[in-house]
Amino acid sequence: MKIYWTKHSEKKIKFYKLSKQRLKRILLKPYRVKEGVALNTIALMQPAKIKKEGKRKTWNQEIWLMIQKDKDLIKIISAWRYPGISPQTNPIPQEIIEELRREGLI
């Protein structure tokens, strides 16, 4: 699977001081998957750093990645940091997430 980085995503990587390797890690093991804001996109999230308070996991910052997929290409459209914990709305149904994982797309 080939990864294509848009100019916008490369600018955001520099702006938010992210690395391409960190974003690839989000692509491989997302903590949360949602429908993207743009047409035919998927948004993936991982906490920047997880703190464990007893059995509860908390964090104070999230790293998000917006991607678009073709058959043999993953296009990284944008990346950003979200301060705090974002609301959990518009999740992708679990069966679609499992299908994407079976196909090796996420």
C-alpha atoms as a PDB file:
ATOM      1  CA  MET A   1       0.000   0.000   0.000  1.00  0.00           C
ATOM      2  CA  LYS A   2       1.504   3.305  -1.098  1.00  0.00           C
ATOM      3  CA  ILE A   3       1.075   6.488   0.945  1.00  0.00           C
ATOM      4  CA  TYR A   4       0.736   9.868  -0.771  1.00  0.00           C
ATOM      5  CA  TRP A   5       1.311  13.006   1.336  1.00  0.00           C
ATOM      6  CA  THR A   6      -0.478  16.153   0.095  1.00  0.00           C
ATOM      7  CA  LYS A   7       1.244  19.540   0.314  1.00  0.00           C
ATOM      8  CA  HIS A   8      -1.370  20.576   2.886  1.00  0.00           C
ATOM      9  CA  SER A   9      -0.549  17.588   5.098  1.00  0.00           C
ATOM     10  CA  GLU A  10       3.189  18.319   4.883  1.00  0.00           C
ATOM     11  CA  LYS A  11       2.563  21.924   5.970  1.00  0.00           C
ATOM     12  CA  LYS A  12       0.451  20.722   8.919  1.00  0.00           C
ATOM     13  CA  ILE A  13       3.148  18.218   9.925  1.00  0.00           C
ATOM     14  CA  LYS A  14       5.612  21.102  10.241  1.00  0.00           C
ATOM     15  CA  PHE A  15       3.101  23.431  11.913  1.00  0.00           C
ATOM     16  CA  TYR A  16       2.053  20.918  14.597  1.00  0.00           C
ATOM     17  CA  LYS A  17       5.578  19.441  14.935  1.00  0.00           C
ATOM     18  CA  LEU A  18       4.486  15.917  14.012  1.00  0.00           C
ATOM     19  CA  SER A  19       6.510  13.239  12.273  1.00  0.00           C
ATOM     20  CA  LYS A  20       5.467  11.092   9.339  1.00  0.00           C
ATOM     21  CA  GLN A  21       6.329   8.022  11.400  1.00  0.00           C
ATOM     22  CA  ARG A  22       3.914   9.128  14.153  1.00  0.00           C
ATOM     23  CA  LEU A  23       1.156   9.575  11.593  1.00  0.00           C
ATOM     24  CA  LYS A  24       1.867   6.150  10.089  1.00  0.00           C
ATOM     25  CA  ARG A  25       1.430   4.708  13.583  1.00  0.00           C
ATOM     26  CA  ILE A  26      -1.999   6.356  13.801  1.00  0.00           C
ATOM     27  CA  LEU A  27      -2.807   4.863  10.404  1.00  0.00           C
ATOM     28  CA  LEU A  28      -1.895   1.358  11.605  1.00  0.00           C
ATOM     29  CA  LYS A  29      -3.472   1.473  15.082  1.00  0.00           C
ATOM     30  CA  PRO A  30      -6.117   4.191  15.402  1.00  0.00           C
ATOM     31  CA  TYR A  31      -7.719   4.666  18.811  1.00  0.00           C
ATOM     32  CA  ARG A  32     -10.890   6.056  17.217  1.00  0.00           C
ATOM     33  CA  VAL A  33     -12.195   6.094  13.615  1.00  0.00           C
ATOM     34  CA  LYS A  34     -14.836   8.544  12.350  1.00  0.00           C
ATOM     35  CA  GLU A  35     -16.280   9.769   9.076  1.00  0.00           C
ATOM     36  CA  GLY A  36     -14.223  12.632   7.711  1.00  0.00           C
ATOM     37  CA  VAL A  37     -15.645  16.101   7.161  1.00  0.00           C
ATOM     38  CA  ALA A  38     -14.726  16.085   3.457  1.00  0.00           C
ATOM     39  CA  LEU A  39     -16.392  13.760   0.963  1.00  0.00           C
ATOM     40  CA  ASN A  40     -15.117  10.133   0.962  1.00  0.00           C
ATOM     41  CA  THR A  41     -12.660  10.664   3.815  1.00  0.00           C
ATOM     42  CA  ILE A  42     -11.964   8.935   7.100  1.00  0.00           C
ATOM     43  CA  ALA A  43     -10.615  10.596  10.244  1.00  0.00           C
ATOM     44  CA  LEU A  44      -8.330   8.581  12.540  1.00  0.00           C
ATOM     45  CA  MET A  45      -7.297   9.575  16.067  1.00  0.00           C
ATOM     46  CA  GLN A  46      -4.755   8.578  18.671  1.00  0.00           C
ATOM     47  CA  PRO A  47      -4.134  10.315  21.984  1.00  0.00           C
ATOM     48  CA  ALA A  48      -0.787  12.111  22.041  1.00  0.00           C
ATOM     49  CA  LYS A  49       0.016  10.578  25.441  1.00  0.00           C
ATOM     50  CA  ILE A  50      -2.200   8.362  27.600  1.00  0.00           C
ATOM     51  CA  LYS A  51      -2.203   8.710  31.386  1.00  0.00           C
ATOM     52  CA  LYS A  52      -3.585   5.849  33.442  1.00  0.00           C
ATOM     53  CA  GLU A  53      -5.455   6.836  36.589  1.00  0.00           C
ATOM     54  CA  GLY A  54      -6.326   3.499  38.136  1.00  0.00           C
ATOM     55  CA  LYS A  55      -8.266   1.619  35.465  1.00  0.00           C
ATOM     56  CA  ARG A  56      -9.261   4.788  33.633  1.00  0.00           C
ATOM     57  CA  LYS A  57      -7.288   6.143  30.666  1.00  0.00           C
ATOM     58  CA  THR A  58      -7.137   9.904  30.180  1.00  0.00           C
ATOM     59  CA  TRP A  59      -5.277  12.284  27.912  1.00  0.00           C
ATOM     60  CA  ASN A  60      -5.118  16.004  27.303  1.00  0.00           C
ATOM     61  CA  GLN A  61      -4.355  16.093  23.573  1.00  0.00           C
ATOM     62  CA  GLU A  62      -5.310  14.123  20.459  1.00  0.00           C
ATOM     63  CA  ILE A  63      -3.591  13.745  17.096  1.00  0.00           C
ATOM     64  CA  TRP A  64      -5.953  13.409  14.137  1.00  0.00           C
ATOM     65  CA  LEU A  65      -5.307  12.232  10.601  1.00  0.00           C
ATOM     66  CA  MET A  66      -7.666  12.653   7.629  1.00  0.00           C
ATOM     67  CA  ILE A  67      -7.214  10.123   4.837  1.00  0.00           C
ATOM     68  CA  GLN A  68      -8.794   9.154   1.548  1.00  0.00           C
ATOM     69  CA  LYS A  69      -8.391   5.652   0.129  1.00  0.00           C
ATOM     70  CA  ASP A  70      -8.193   4.177  -3.339  1.00  0.00           C
ATOM     71  CA  LYS A  71      -7.366   0.577  -4.181  1.00  0.00           C
ATOM     72  CA  ASP A  72      -3.567   0.807  -3.869  1.00  0.00           C
ATOM     73  CA  LEU A  73      -3.139   4.320  -2.488  1.00  0.00           C
ATOM     74  CA  ILE A  74      -3.752   6.027   0.851  1.00  0.00           C
ATOM     75  CA  LYS A  75      -3.854   9.797   0.469  1.00  0.00           C
ATOM     76  CA  ILE A  76      -3.005  11.719   3.650  1.00  0.00           C
ATOM     77  CA  ILE A  77      -5.090  14.871   3.331  1.00  0.00           C
ATOM     78  CA  SER A  78      -4.471  16.585   6.667  1.00  0.00           C
ATOM     79  CA  ALA A  79      -3.173  16.122  10.202  1.00  0.00           C
ATOM     80  CA  TRP A  80      -3.786  18.185  13.332  1.00  0.00           C
ATOM     81  CA  ARG A  81      -3.595  18.287  17.111  1.00  0.00           C
ATOM     82  CA  TYR A  82      -6.808  18.701  19.086  1.00  0.00           C
ATOM     83  CA  PRO A  83      -6.464  20.139  22.602  1.00  0.00           C
ATOM     84  CA  GLY A  84      -8.449  18.107  25.113  1.00  0.00           C
ATOM     85  CA  ILE A  85     -10.774  15.207  24.343  1.00  0.00           C
ATOM     86  CA  SER A  86     -12.987  15.563  21.276  1.00  0.00           C
ATOM     87  CA  PRO A  87     -16.661  14.563  21.415  1.00  0.00           C
ATOM     88  CA  GLN A  88     -17.462  11.071  20.110  1.00  0.00           C
ATOM     89  CA  THR A  89     -19.921  11.723  17.274  1.00  0.00           C
ATOM     90  CA  ASN A  90     -20.496  10.160  13.829  1.00  0.00           C
ATOM     91  CA  PRO A  91     -18.527   6.966  14.376  1.00  0.00           C
ATOM     92  CA  ILE A  92     -18.099   4.565  11.478  1.00  0.00           C
ATOM     93  CA  PRO A  93     -20.089   1.358  12.073  1.00  0.00           C
ATOM     94  CA  GLN A  94     -17.977  -1.472  13.518  1.00  0.00           C
ATOM     95  CA  GLU A  95     -18.705  -3.815  10.593  1.00  0.00           C
ATOM     96  CA  ILE A  96     -17.263  -1.304   8.102  1.00  0.00           C
ATOM     97  CA  ILE A  97     -14.162  -0.841  10.276  1.00  0.00           C
ATOM     98  CA  GLU A  98     -13.682  -4.622  10.344  1.00  0.00           C
ATOM     99  CA  GLU A  99     -14.088  -4.785   6.561  1.00  0.00           C
ATOM    100  CA  LEU A 100     -11.447  -2.065   6.085  1.00  0.00           C
ATOM    101  CA  ARG A 101      -9.076  -3.955   8.399  1.00  0.00           C
ATOM    102  CA  ARG A 102      -9.625  -7.233   6.498  1.00  0.00           C
ATOM    103  CA  GLU A 103      -8.763  -5.450   3.258  1.00  0.00           C
ATOM    104  CA  GLY A 104      -5.634  -4.004   4.885  1.00  0.00           C
ATOM    105  CA  LEU A 105      -6.726  -0.403   4.425  1.00  0.00           C
ATOM    106  CA  ILE A 106      -6.455   0.555   8.094  1.00  0.00           C
END
